[in-house]
Amino acid sequence: MILINFSHPFTEAQRAQIVAITGNTIDQTIDAVVQFDLQQPFSLQLAKLLAQIPLSPVQWQNEEIIVNPPSLNFIAVMLLAELHGRMGYFAPCVRLRPVKDALPPRFEVAEILNLQAIRENARKSR
């Protein structure tokens, strides 16, 4: 599985949690640095960001890919739309949560969001 990370670096514990939840090994991690200029249009910045991801069109469509989206909501929704166009489905996303009472603050993997299943289930409500 390819883990594409658009947020903070993962710890080994978080990576182990992803493996445990998905039942798949992480064969490759791609870290993408997301630094958008809030005063400029996001579409061009998103295109530039994704141009740095070293995957071919065939890999986008055929590899097992899981995504850790960026924190800023507008970038995240644009990214998910772009990835859907490249992949043909919604990529599963990692959801992190703070570890209760942890000092210093740290995060754990809460779940893997199966966005494609959420979409398919929502279609029943049409």
N, C-alpha and C. Protein backbone atom coordinates (compact mmCIF):
# COMPACT_ATOMS: atom_id res chain seq x y z
N MET A 1 0.85 -1.16 0.00
CA MET A 1 0.00 0.00 0.00
C MET A 1 0.90 1.23 0.00
N ILE A 2 0.43 2.28 -0.68
CA ILE A 2 1.14 3.56 -0.72
C ILE A 2 0.40 4.52 0.20
N LEU A 3 1.13 5.09 1.15
CA LEU A 3 0.58 6.08 2.06
C LEU A 3 1.06 7.45 1.60
N ILE A 4 0.12 8.31 1.20
CA ILE A 4 0.47 9.67 0.79
C ILE A 4 0.08 10.60 1.93
N ASN A 5 1.08 11.26 2.47
CA ASN A 5 0.89 12.09 3.65
C ASN A 5 0.98 13.57 3.30
N PHE A 6 -0.13 14.27 3.46
CA PHE A 6 -0.19 15.70 3.21
C PHE A 6 -0.22 16.49 4.51
N SER A 7 0.25 15.89 5.60
CA SER A 7 0.20 16.55 6.90
C SER A 7 1.49 16.28 7.66
N HIS A 8 1.41 16.26 8.98
CA HIS A 8 2.60 16.06 9.81
C HIS A 8 3.17 14.65 9.60
N PRO A 9 4.48 14.48 9.77
CA PRO A 9 5.07 13.15 9.60
C PRO A 9 4.46 12.13 10.57
N PHE A 10 4.37 10.90 10.12
CA PHE A 10 3.84 9.83 10.95
C PHE A 10 4.92 9.28 11.86
N THR A 11 4.52 8.88 13.06
CA THR A 11 5.42 8.17 13.96
C THR A 11 5.37 6.69 13.60
N GLU A 12 6.32 5.94 14.12
CA GLU A 12 6.28 4.49 13.87
C GLU A 12 5.03 3.87 14.49
N ALA A 13 4.61 4.38 15.64
CA ALA A 13 3.39 3.85 16.28
C ALA A 13 2.16 4.11 15.40
N GLN A 14 2.07 5.29 14.81
CA GLN A 14 0.95 5.59 13.92
C GLN A 14 0.97 4.70 12.68
N ARG A 15 2.16 4.50 12.13
CA ARG A 15 2.28 3.62 10.96
C ARG A 15 1.83 2.20 11.33
N ALA A 16 2.21 1.73 12.49
CA ALA A 16 1.80 0.39 12.94
C ALA A 16 0.28 0.33 13.12
N GLN A 17 -0.33 1.42 13.59
CA GLN A 17 -1.78 1.45 13.74
C GLN A 17 -2.47 1.36 12.37
N ILE A 18 -1.93 2.05 11.39
CA ILE A 18 -2.50 1.99 10.04
C ILE A 18 -2.43 0.58 9.49
N VAL A 19 -1.29 -0.08 9.68
CA VAL A 19 -1.12 -1.46 9.22
C VAL A 19 -2.12 -2.37 9.93
N ALA A 20 -2.28 -2.18 11.24
CA ALA A 20 -3.20 -3.03 12.01
C ALA A 20 -4.65 -2.83 11.56
N ILE A 21 -5.02 -1.59 11.30
CA ILE A 21 -6.41 -1.30 10.90
C ILE A 21 -6.70 -1.80 9.49
N THR A 22 -5.76 -1.58 8.56
CA THR A 22 -6.02 -1.95 7.16
C THR A 22 -5.69 -3.40 6.85
N GLY A 23 -4.80 -3.99 7.62
CA GLY A 23 -4.36 -5.35 7.32
C GLY A 23 -3.39 -5.40 6.16
N ASN A 24 -2.90 -4.23 5.72
CA ASN A 24 -1.95 -4.14 4.61
C ASN A 24 -0.63 -3.54 5.10
N THR A 25 0.45 -3.91 4.45
CA THR A 25 1.72 -3.30 4.78
C THR A 25 1.88 -2.00 4.01
N ILE A 26 2.62 -1.08 4.57
CA ILE A 26 2.92 0.17 3.90
C ILE A 26 4.21 -0.04 3.12
N ASP A 27 4.10 -0.13 1.80
CA ASP A 27 5.26 -0.37 0.95
C ASP A 27 6.02 0.91 0.64
N GLN A 28 5.28 2.02 0.63
CA GLN A 28 5.89 3.30 0.26
C GLN A 28 5.13 4.41 0.96
N THR A 29 5.88 5.37 1.50
CA THR A 29 5.28 6.58 2.05
C THR A 29 5.77 7.75 1.23
N ILE A 30 4.83 8.57 0.79
CA ILE A 30 5.16 9.79 0.05
C ILE A 30 4.74 10.95 0.91
N ASP A 31 5.71 11.75 1.33
CA ASP A 31 5.42 12.93 2.14
C ASP A 31 5.36 14.15 1.23
N ALA A 32 4.23 14.83 1.25
CA ALA A 32 4.03 16.02 0.42
C ALA A 32 3.92 17.22 1.35
N VAL A 33 4.76 18.20 1.13
CA VAL A 33 4.74 19.41 1.96
C VAL A 33 3.67 20.35 1.43
N VAL A 34 2.70 20.65 2.28
CA VAL A 34 1.58 21.51 1.90
C VAL A 34 1.77 22.88 2.54
N GLN A 35 2.16 23.83 1.73
CA GLN A 35 2.31 25.22 2.17
C GLN A 35 1.66 26.09 1.11
N PHE A 36 0.41 26.43 1.31
CA PHE A 36 -0.31 27.25 0.34
C PHE A 36 -0.28 28.71 0.76
N ASP A 37 -0.18 29.57 -0.22
CA ASP A 37 -0.30 31.01 -0.01
C ASP A 37 -1.79 31.33 0.02
N LEU A 38 -2.28 31.75 1.17
CA LEU A 38 -3.71 31.99 1.34
C LEU A 38 -4.22 33.16 0.51
N GLN A 39 -3.33 33.97 -0.02
CA GLN A 39 -3.72 35.12 -0.82
C GLN A 39 -3.79 34.79 -2.32
N GLN A 40 -3.39 33.59 -2.69
CA GLN A 40 -3.37 33.18 -4.10
C GLN A 40 -4.42 32.10 -4.33
N PRO A 41 -4.89 31.95 -5.58
CA PRO A 41 -5.85 30.87 -5.89
C PRO A 41 -5.26 29.50 -5.55
N PHE A 42 -6.11 28.66 -5.00
CA PHE A 42 -5.64 27.33 -4.58
C PHE A 42 -5.47 26.36 -5.73
N SER A 43 -6.22 26.51 -6.81
CA SER A 43 -6.19 25.50 -7.88
C SER A 43 -4.80 25.34 -8.48
N LEU A 44 -4.11 26.43 -8.72
CA LEU A 44 -2.75 26.32 -9.28
C LEU A 44 -1.78 25.74 -8.27
N GLN A 45 -1.96 26.09 -7.02
CA GLN A 45 -1.08 25.57 -5.97
C GLN A 45 -1.30 24.06 -5.78
N LEU A 46 -2.55 23.63 -5.90
CA LEU A 46 -2.85 22.20 -5.79
C LEU A 46 -2.22 21.43 -6.95
N ALA A 47 -2.31 21.98 -8.14
CA ALA A 47 -1.70 21.34 -9.31
C ALA A 47 -0.19 21.20 -9.12
N LYS A 48 0.43 22.23 -8.59
CA LYS A 48 1.87 22.20 -8.34
C LYS A 48 2.22 21.16 -7.27
N LEU A 49 1.39 21.08 -6.23
CA LEU A 49 1.59 20.09 -5.17
C LEU A 49 1.52 18.67 -5.72
N LEU A 50 0.48 18.39 -6.50
CA LEU A 50 0.29 17.03 -7.02
C LEU A 50 1.31 16.66 -8.09
N ALA A 51 1.88 17.65 -8.75
CA ALA A 51 2.93 17.38 -9.73
C ALA A 51 4.17 16.79 -9.06
N GLN A 52 4.30 17.00 -7.76
CA GLN A 52 5.45 16.48 -7.01
C GLN A 52 5.26 15.03 -6.57
N ILE A 53 4.06 14.50 -6.72
CA ILE A 53 3.79 13.11 -6.31
C ILE A 53 4.25 12.20 -7.44
N PRO A 54 5.23 11.33 -7.17
CA PRO A 54 5.83 10.53 -8.24
C PRO A 54 5.03 9.27 -8.60
N LEU A 55 3.77 9.46 -9.00
CA LEU A 55 2.94 8.33 -9.42
C LEU A 55 2.46 8.55 -10.85
N SER A 56 2.46 7.49 -11.62
CA SER A 56 1.97 7.55 -12.99
C SER A 56 0.45 7.42 -13.00
N PRO A 57 -0.20 7.76 -14.11
CA PRO A 57 -1.65 7.55 -14.20
C PRO A 57 -2.05 6.10 -13.91
N VAL A 58 -1.25 5.15 -14.36
CA VAL A 58 -1.55 3.74 -14.10
C VAL A 58 -1.47 3.43 -12.61
N GLN A 59 -0.47 3.99 -11.93
CA GLN A 59 -0.35 3.76 -10.48
C GLN A 59 -1.51 4.40 -9.72
N TRP A 60 -1.91 5.62 -10.11
CA TRP A 60 -3.04 6.26 -9.45
C TRP A 60 -4.28 5.37 -9.53
N GLN A 61 -4.46 4.68 -10.64
CA GLN A 61 -5.67 3.88 -10.84
C GLN A 61 -5.57 2.47 -10.30
N ASN A 62 -4.35 1.94 -10.11
CA ASN A 62 -4.22 0.53 -9.77
C ASN A 62 -3.58 0.22 -8.43
N GLU A 63 -2.82 1.13 -7.87
CA GLU A 63 -2.16 0.87 -6.60
C GLU A 63 -3.13 1.04 -5.44
N GLU A 64 -2.87 0.35 -4.35
CA GLU A 64 -3.62 0.58 -3.12
C GLU A 64 -3.05 1.84 -2.48
N ILE A 65 -3.86 2.89 -2.42
CA ILE A 65 -3.42 4.19 -1.92
C ILE A 65 -4.30 4.60 -0.76
N ILE A 66 -3.66 5.09 0.29
CA ILE A 66 -4.36 5.66 1.43
C ILE A 66 -3.78 7.05 1.65
N VAL A 67 -4.62 7.99 2.08
CA VAL A 67 -4.22 9.39 2.13
C VAL A 67 -4.41 9.95 3.54
N ASN A 68 -3.43 10.75 3.96
CA ASN A 68 -3.59 11.57 5.15
C ASN A 68 -3.75 13.00 4.64
N PRO A 69 -4.98 13.53 4.63
CA PRO A 69 -5.22 14.83 4.01
C PRO A 69 -4.63 15.98 4.82
N PRO A 70 -4.45 17.12 4.17
CA PRO A 70 -3.97 18.30 4.90
C PRO A 70 -5.05 18.80 5.85
N SER A 71 -4.63 19.58 6.83
CA SER A 71 -5.56 20.06 7.85
C SER A 71 -6.50 21.15 7.36
N LEU A 72 -6.05 22.02 6.49
CA LEU A 72 -6.90 23.12 6.04
C LEU A 72 -8.03 22.56 5.17
N ASN A 73 -9.25 22.79 5.58
CA ASN A 73 -10.40 22.15 4.95
C ASN A 73 -10.53 22.44 3.46
N PHE A 74 -10.25 23.65 3.02
CA PHE A 74 -10.43 23.97 1.60
C PHE A 74 -9.43 23.21 0.73
N ILE A 75 -8.21 23.07 1.23
CA ILE A 75 -7.21 22.30 0.48
C ILE A 75 -7.61 20.83 0.48
N ALA A 76 -8.09 20.33 1.61
CA ALA A 76 -8.47 18.92 1.72
C ALA A 76 -9.59 18.55 0.75
N VAL A 77 -10.63 19.39 0.67
CA VAL A 77 -11.74 19.03 -0.22
C VAL A 77 -11.32 19.11 -1.69
N MET A 78 -10.50 20.09 -2.02
CA MET A 78 -10.00 20.17 -3.40
C MET A 78 -9.12 18.96 -3.73
N LEU A 79 -8.28 18.57 -2.78
CA LEU A 79 -7.41 17.42 -2.97
C LEU A 79 -8.22 16.15 -3.19
N LEU A 80 -9.26 15.94 -2.38
CA LEU A 80 -10.08 14.74 -2.53
C LEU A 80 -10.78 14.70 -3.88
N ALA A 81 -11.24 15.84 -4.36
CA ALA A 81 -11.87 15.89 -5.68
C ALA A 81 -10.85 15.56 -6.76
N GLU A 82 -9.67 16.12 -6.67
CA GLU A 82 -8.60 15.84 -7.65
C GLU A 82 -8.21 14.36 -7.63
N LEU A 83 -8.04 13.81 -6.43
CA LEU A 83 -7.66 12.40 -6.34
C LEU A 83 -8.75 11.49 -6.89
N HIS A 84 -10.01 11.83 -6.64
CA HIS A 84 -11.11 11.04 -7.20
C HIS A 84 -11.02 11.02 -8.72
N GLY A 85 -10.72 12.16 -9.30
CA GLY A 85 -10.56 12.22 -10.75
C GLY A 85 -9.43 11.35 -11.26
N ARG A 86 -8.34 11.30 -10.52
CA ARG A 86 -7.18 10.50 -10.93
C ARG A 86 -7.37 9.01 -10.67
N MET A 87 -8.03 8.69 -9.55
CA MET A 87 -8.13 7.31 -9.11
C MET A 87 -9.42 6.62 -9.57
N GLY A 88 -10.48 7.41 -9.76
CA GLY A 88 -11.76 6.83 -10.14
C GLY A 88 -12.63 6.47 -8.95
N TYR A 89 -12.17 6.77 -7.77
CA TYR A 89 -12.93 6.52 -6.53
C TYR A 89 -12.34 7.41 -5.45
N PHE A 90 -13.05 7.52 -4.33
CA PHE A 90 -12.54 8.29 -3.21
C PHE A 90 -11.49 7.49 -2.45
N ALA A 91 -10.36 8.10 -2.23
CA ALA A 91 -9.27 7.45 -1.50
C ALA A 91 -9.64 7.32 -0.02
N PRO A 92 -9.29 6.19 0.60
CA PRO A 92 -9.46 6.09 2.04
C PRO A 92 -8.55 7.11 2.72
N CYS A 93 -9.02 7.68 3.83
CA CYS A 93 -8.27 8.72 4.53
C CYS A 93 -8.02 8.34 5.98
N VAL A 94 -6.85 8.70 6.45
CA VAL A 94 -6.48 8.49 7.85
C VAL A 94 -7.10 9.60 8.69
N ARG A 95 -7.73 9.22 9.80
CA ARG A 95 -8.21 10.21 10.77
C ARG A 95 -7.42 10.04 12.05
N LEU A 96 -6.75 11.11 12.44
CA LEU A 96 -5.99 11.12 13.69
C LEU A 96 -6.81 11.79 14.78
N ARG A 97 -6.53 11.43 16.03
CA ARG A 97 -7.16 12.10 17.17
C ARG A 97 -6.11 12.28 18.27
N PRO A 98 -6.31 13.29 19.11
CA PRO A 98 -5.36 13.48 20.21
C PRO A 98 -5.48 12.33 21.21
N VAL A 99 -4.35 11.93 21.77
CA VAL A 99 -4.35 10.94 22.84
C VAL A 99 -4.75 11.68 24.11
N LYS A 100 -5.78 11.19 24.77
CA LYS A 100 -6.32 11.86 25.96
C LYS A 100 -5.26 12.01 27.05
N ASP A 101 -5.14 13.21 27.55
CA ASP A 101 -4.25 13.56 28.67
C ASP A 101 -2.77 13.32 28.38
N ALA A 102 -2.39 13.20 27.13
CA ALA A 102 -0.97 12.96 26.81
C ALA A 102 -0.18 14.26 26.94
N LEU A 103 0.95 14.16 27.61
CA LEU A 103 1.89 15.27 27.72
C LEU A 103 3.27 14.79 27.33
N PRO A 104 3.90 15.34 26.35
CA PRO A 104 3.38 16.39 25.48
C PRO A 104 2.26 15.83 24.59
N PRO A 105 1.48 16.74 23.98
CA PRO A 105 0.38 16.28 23.13
C PRO A 105 0.89 15.36 22.01
N ARG A 106 0.15 14.30 21.76
CA ARG A 106 0.46 13.41 20.64
C ARG A 106 -0.85 12.88 20.07
N PHE A 107 -0.74 12.29 18.90
CA PHE A 107 -1.92 11.84 18.17
C PHE A 107 -1.80 10.36 17.85
N GLU A 108 -2.97 9.72 17.78
CA GLU A 108 -3.05 8.32 17.39
C GLU A 108 -4.00 8.19 16.22
N VAL A 109 -3.93 7.07 15.52
CA VAL A 109 -4.84 6.82 14.42
C VAL A 109 -6.18 6.39 15.01
N ALA A 110 -7.21 7.17 14.72
CA ALA A 110 -8.55 6.86 15.24
C ALA A 110 -9.25 5.84 14.35
N GLU A 111 -9.13 6.04 13.03
CA GLU A 111 -9.79 5.16 12.08
C GLU A 111 -9.32 5.49 10.67
N ILE A 112 -9.66 4.62 9.76
CA ILE A 112 -9.47 4.88 8.34
C ILE A 112 -10.85 5.15 7.76
N LEU A 113 -11.04 6.33 7.20
CA LEU A 113 -12.34 6.71 6.66
C LEU A 113 -12.49 6.15 5.25
N ASN A 114 -13.45 5.27 5.07
CA ASN A 114 -13.72 4.69 3.76
C ASN A 114 -14.70 5.60 3.03
N LEU A 115 -14.16 6.64 2.39
CA LEU A 115 -15.00 7.64 1.74
C LEU A 115 -15.82 7.05 0.60
N GLN A 116 -15.28 6.08 -0.08
CA GLN A 116 -16.04 5.48 -1.18
C GLN A 116 -17.28 4.76 -0.65
N ALA A 117 -17.14 4.05 0.45
CA ALA A 117 -18.29 3.37 1.06
C ALA A 117 -19.31 4.39 1.57
N ILE A 118 -18.82 5.50 2.12
CA ILE A 118 -19.72 6.55 2.59
C ILE A 118 -20.51 7.11 1.41
N ARG A 119 -19.82 7.33 0.30
CA ARG A 119 -20.50 7.84 -0.91
C ARG A 119 -21.56 6.86 -1.39
N GLU A 120 -21.17 5.59 -1.50
CA GLU A 120 -22.10 4.59 -2.01
C GLU A 120 -23.32 4.45 -1.10
N ASN A 121 -23.11 4.52 0.20
CA ASN A 121 -24.22 4.44 1.14
C ASN A 121 -25.13 5.66 1.01
N ALA A 122 -24.54 6.82 0.80
CA ALA A 122 -25.33 8.05 0.66
C ALA A 122 -26.21 8.02 -0.59
N ARG A 123 -25.79 7.31 -1.61
CA ARG A 123 -26.58 7.23 -2.85
C ARG A 123 -27.94 6.57 -2.59
N LYS A 124 -28.03 5.77 -1.54
CA LYS A 124 -29.31 5.12 -1.22
C LYS A 124 -30.35 6.15 -0.75
N SER A 125 -29.88 7.33 -0.34
CA SER A 125 -30.78 8.37 0.15
C SER A 125 -31.24 9.32 -0.93
N ARG A 126 -30.87 9.07 -2.17
CA ARG A 126 -31.26 9.96 -3.28
C ARG A 126 -32.74 9.95 -3.50
